[in-house]
Amino acid sequence: MSESITKTTQIDDWIFEIKMVKAIKVKNHGDPYSAVASLTANGDQMYIDSHLSSDNKDLQKDDFMAIYKFCQSIGMKNISYDRIKNGLKTTRNMDIIENQNPPPKLRVC
């Protein structure tokens, strides 16, 4: 993704800041969507509150990468989400490498 999205914008005496995002998976806006995710921003951290798909699958890699690219475009530095598997809750954290200051000295591809 080459374009950057601003996290804040000012209109008159008001500043609007992205704090919550509803993301839907669909090819064309207005068509029925196959998945929905809720995201909450706190500083430079984005938390994936929920993800629900029509086929009841967990968040897939390509779906996560779309969220990653969105978070990268608004300057987030980290994404986290909770996952429950076999009744055990685990938290996953992922740095957005491109937005780290200073940038990492070593990057594994």
C-alpha atoms as a PDB file:
ATOM      1  CA  MET A   1       0.000   0.000   0.000  1.00  0.00           C
ATOM      2  CA  SER A   2       1.633   3.240  -1.101  1.00  0.00           C
ATOM      3  CA  GLU A   3      -0.891   5.808   0.078  1.00  0.00           C
ATOM      4  CA  SER A   4      -1.011   7.047   3.643  1.00  0.00           C
ATOM      5  CA  ILE A   5      -4.249   7.656   5.516  1.00  0.00           C
ATOM      6  CA  THR A   6      -4.301  10.375   8.157  1.00  0.00           C
ATOM      7  CA  LYS A   7      -5.258   9.299  11.648  1.00  0.00           C
ATOM      8  CA  THR A   8      -6.462  12.812  12.494  1.00  0.00           C
ATOM      9  CA  THR A   9      -8.161  15.588  10.563  1.00  0.00           C
ATOM     10  CA  GLN A  10      -9.335  19.039  11.584  1.00  0.00           C
ATOM     11  CA  ILE A  11     -12.590  20.691  10.547  1.00  0.00           C
ATOM     12  CA  ASP A  12     -13.224  24.145  11.992  1.00  0.00           C
ATOM     13  CA  ASP A  13     -12.467  23.991  15.731  1.00  0.00           C
ATOM     14  CA  TRP A  14     -12.805  20.194  15.885  1.00  0.00           C
ATOM     15  CA  ILE A  15     -10.083  17.572  15.504  1.00  0.00           C
ATOM     16  CA  PHE A  16     -11.333  14.119  14.536  1.00  0.00           C
ATOM     17  CA  GLU A  17      -9.161  11.126  15.419  1.00  0.00           C
ATOM     18  CA  ILE A  18      -9.592   7.513  14.345  1.00  0.00           C
ATOM     19  CA  LYS A  19     -10.138   5.523  17.548  1.00  0.00           C
ATOM     20  CA  MET A  20     -12.511   2.760  16.460  1.00  0.00           C
ATOM     21  CA  VAL A  21     -12.805   1.058  13.070  1.00  0.00           C
ATOM     22  CA  LYS A  22     -15.336  -1.378  11.666  1.00  0.00           C
ATOM     23  CA  ALA A  23     -13.784  -3.365   8.819  1.00  0.00           C
ATOM     24  CA  ILE A  24     -15.833  -5.503   6.437  1.00  0.00           C
ATOM     25  CA  LYS A  25     -14.558  -8.051   3.930  1.00  0.00           C
ATOM     26  CA  VAL A  26     -16.260  -7.479   0.599  1.00  0.00           C
ATOM     27  CA  LYS A  27     -15.152  -6.892  -3.007  1.00  0.00           C
ATOM     28  CA  ASN A  28     -17.623  -4.043  -3.658  1.00  0.00           C
ATOM     29  CA  HIS A  29     -19.099  -1.656  -1.093  1.00  0.00           C
ATOM     30  CA  GLY A  30     -22.791  -2.435  -0.599  1.00  0.00           C
ATOM     31  CA  ASP A  31     -22.516  -6.132  -1.462  1.00  0.00           C
ATOM     32  CA  PRO A  32     -23.049  -8.736   1.284  1.00  0.00           C
ATOM     33  CA  TYR A  33     -19.814  -9.153   3.222  1.00  0.00           C
ATOM     34  CA  SER A  34     -18.163 -12.391   4.317  1.00  0.00           C
ATOM     35  CA  ALA A  35     -16.397 -11.151   7.461  1.00  0.00           C
ATOM     36  CA  VAL A  36     -16.352  -8.249   9.894  1.00  0.00           C
ATOM     37  CA  ALA A  37     -13.716  -7.041  12.359  1.00  0.00           C
ATOM     38  CA  SER A  38     -13.754  -4.362  15.043  1.00  0.00           C
ATOM     39  CA  LEU A  39     -10.524  -2.496  15.769  1.00  0.00           C
ATOM     40  CA  THR A  40      -9.707  -0.070  18.584  1.00  0.00           C
ATOM     41  CA  ALA A  41      -6.768   2.348  18.526  1.00  0.00           C
ATOM     42  CA  ASN A  42      -4.930   3.403  21.665  1.00  0.00           C
ATOM     43  CA  GLY A  43      -1.962   5.640  20.906  1.00  0.00           C
ATOM     44  CA  ASP A  44       0.231   3.767  18.421  1.00  0.00           C
ATOM     45  CA  GLN A  45      -1.340   0.381  19.261  1.00  0.00           C
ATOM     46  CA  MET A  46      -4.254  -1.204  17.383  1.00  0.00           C
ATOM     47  CA  TYR A  47      -6.241  -3.957  19.085  1.00  0.00           C
ATOM     48  CA  ILE A  48      -8.442  -6.320  17.070  1.00  0.00           C
ATOM     49  CA  ASP A  49     -11.486  -6.539  19.353  1.00  0.00           C
ATOM     50  CA  SER A  50     -13.375  -9.094  17.333  1.00  0.00           C
ATOM     51  CA  HIS A  51     -13.478 -10.970  14.069  1.00  0.00           C
ATOM     52  CA  LEU A  52     -16.441 -12.894  12.729  1.00  0.00           C
ATOM     53  CA  SER A  53     -16.684 -14.633   9.359  1.00  0.00           C
ATOM     54  CA  SER A  54     -19.602 -16.279   7.603  1.00  0.00           C
ATOM     55  CA  ASP A  55     -17.706 -19.585   7.437  1.00  0.00           C
ATOM     56  CA  ASN A  56     -16.679 -19.440  11.148  1.00  0.00           C
ATOM     57  CA  LYS A  57     -12.959 -19.579  10.298  1.00  0.00           C
ATOM     58  CA  ASP A  58     -10.317 -17.863  12.399  1.00  0.00           C
ATOM     59  CA  LEU A  59      -8.666 -14.713  11.089  1.00  0.00           C
ATOM     60  CA  GLN A  60      -6.774 -15.828   7.972  1.00  0.00           C
ATOM     61  CA  LYS A  61      -3.261 -14.636   7.066  1.00  0.00           C
ATOM     62  CA  ASP A  62      -4.406 -12.601   4.030  1.00  0.00           C
ATOM     63  CA  ASP A  63      -7.125 -10.954   6.132  1.00  0.00           C
ATOM     64  CA  PHE A  64      -4.619 -10.110   8.875  1.00  0.00           C
ATOM     65  CA  MET A  65      -2.252  -8.645   6.278  1.00  0.00           C
ATOM     66  CA  ALA A  66      -5.020  -6.335   5.012  1.00  0.00           C
ATOM     67  CA  ILE A  67      -5.518  -5.111   8.596  1.00  0.00           C
ATOM     68  CA  TYR A  68      -1.722  -4.800   8.965  1.00  0.00           C
ATOM     69  CA  LYS A  69      -1.521  -2.612   5.826  1.00  0.00           C
ATOM     70  CA  PHE A  70      -4.362  -0.397   7.086  1.00  0.00           C
ATOM     71  CA  CYS A  71      -2.675   0.007  10.485  1.00  0.00           C
ATOM     72  CA  GLN A  72       0.640   0.739   8.770  1.00  0.00           C
ATOM     73  CA  SER A  73      -1.009   3.450   6.647  1.00  0.00           C
ATOM     74  CA  ILE A  74      -2.305   5.345   9.706  1.00  0.00           C
ATOM     75  CA  GLY A  75       1.014   5.149  11.561  1.00  0.00           C
ATOM     76  CA  MET A  76       0.294   2.414  14.099  1.00  0.00           C
ATOM     77  CA  LYS A  77       3.342   0.670  15.562  1.00  0.00           C
ATOM     78  CA  ASN A  78       1.778  -2.511  16.957  1.00  0.00           C
ATOM     79  CA  ILE A  79      -1.236  -4.790  16.482  1.00  0.00           C
ATOM     80  CA  SER A  80      -2.531  -7.172  19.118  1.00  0.00           C
ATOM     81  CA  TYR A  81      -5.408  -9.583  19.460  1.00  0.00           C
ATOM     82  CA  ASP A  82      -6.585 -12.335  21.773  1.00  0.00           C
ATOM     83  CA  ARG A  83      -7.226 -15.836  20.575  1.00  0.00           C
ATOM     84  CA  ILE A  84      -8.997 -18.668  22.335  1.00  0.00           C
ATOM     85  CA  LYS A  85      -7.969 -22.166  21.327  1.00  0.00           C
ATOM     86  CA  ASN A  86      -8.920 -25.305  23.238  1.00  0.00           C
ATOM     87  CA  GLY A  87     -10.336 -23.102  25.979  1.00  0.00           C
ATOM     88  CA  LEU A  88      -7.040 -21.257  26.528  1.00  0.00           C
ATOM     89  CA  LYS A  89      -6.700 -17.529  25.864  1.00  0.00           C
ATOM     90  CA  THR A  90      -3.478 -16.257  24.345  1.00  0.00           C
ATOM     91  CA  THR A  91      -2.548 -12.740  23.324  1.00  0.00           C
ATOM     92  CA  ARG A  92      -0.642 -12.143  20.117  1.00  0.00           C
ATOM     93  CA  ASN A  93       1.379  -8.986  19.499  1.00  0.00           C
ATOM     94  CA  MET A  94       2.943  -7.980  16.215  1.00  0.00           C
ATOM     95  CA  ASP A  95       5.122  -4.959  15.538  1.00  0.00           C
ATOM     96  CA  ILE A  96       4.490  -3.037  12.358  1.00  0.00           C
ATOM     97  CA  ILE A  97       8.092  -3.105  11.201  1.00  0.00           C
ATOM     98  CA  GLU A  98       7.752  -0.240   8.729  1.00  0.00           C
ATOM     99  CA  ASN A  99       6.598   2.178  11.466  1.00  0.00           C
ATOM    100  CA  GLN A 100       9.227   1.434  14.116  1.00  0.00           C
ATOM    101  CA  ASN A 101      11.585   4.262  15.164  1.00  0.00           C
ATOM    102  CA  PRO A 102      14.401   3.724  14.817  1.00  0.00           C
ATOM    103  CA  PRO A 103      13.885   1.077  12.126  1.00  0.00           C
ATOM    104  CA  PRO A 104      15.177  -2.376  13.052  1.00  0.00           C
ATOM    105  CA  LYS A 105      18.752  -3.133  12.009  1.00  0.00           C
ATOM    106  CA  LEU A 106      17.891  -6.662  10.896  1.00  0.00           C
ATOM    107  CA  ARG A 107      14.825  -7.736   9.006  1.00  0.00           C
ATOM    108  CA  VAL A 108      14.007 -11.364   8.273  1.00  0.00           C
ATOM    109  CA  CYS A 109      12.013 -11.827   5.074  1.00  0.00           C
END
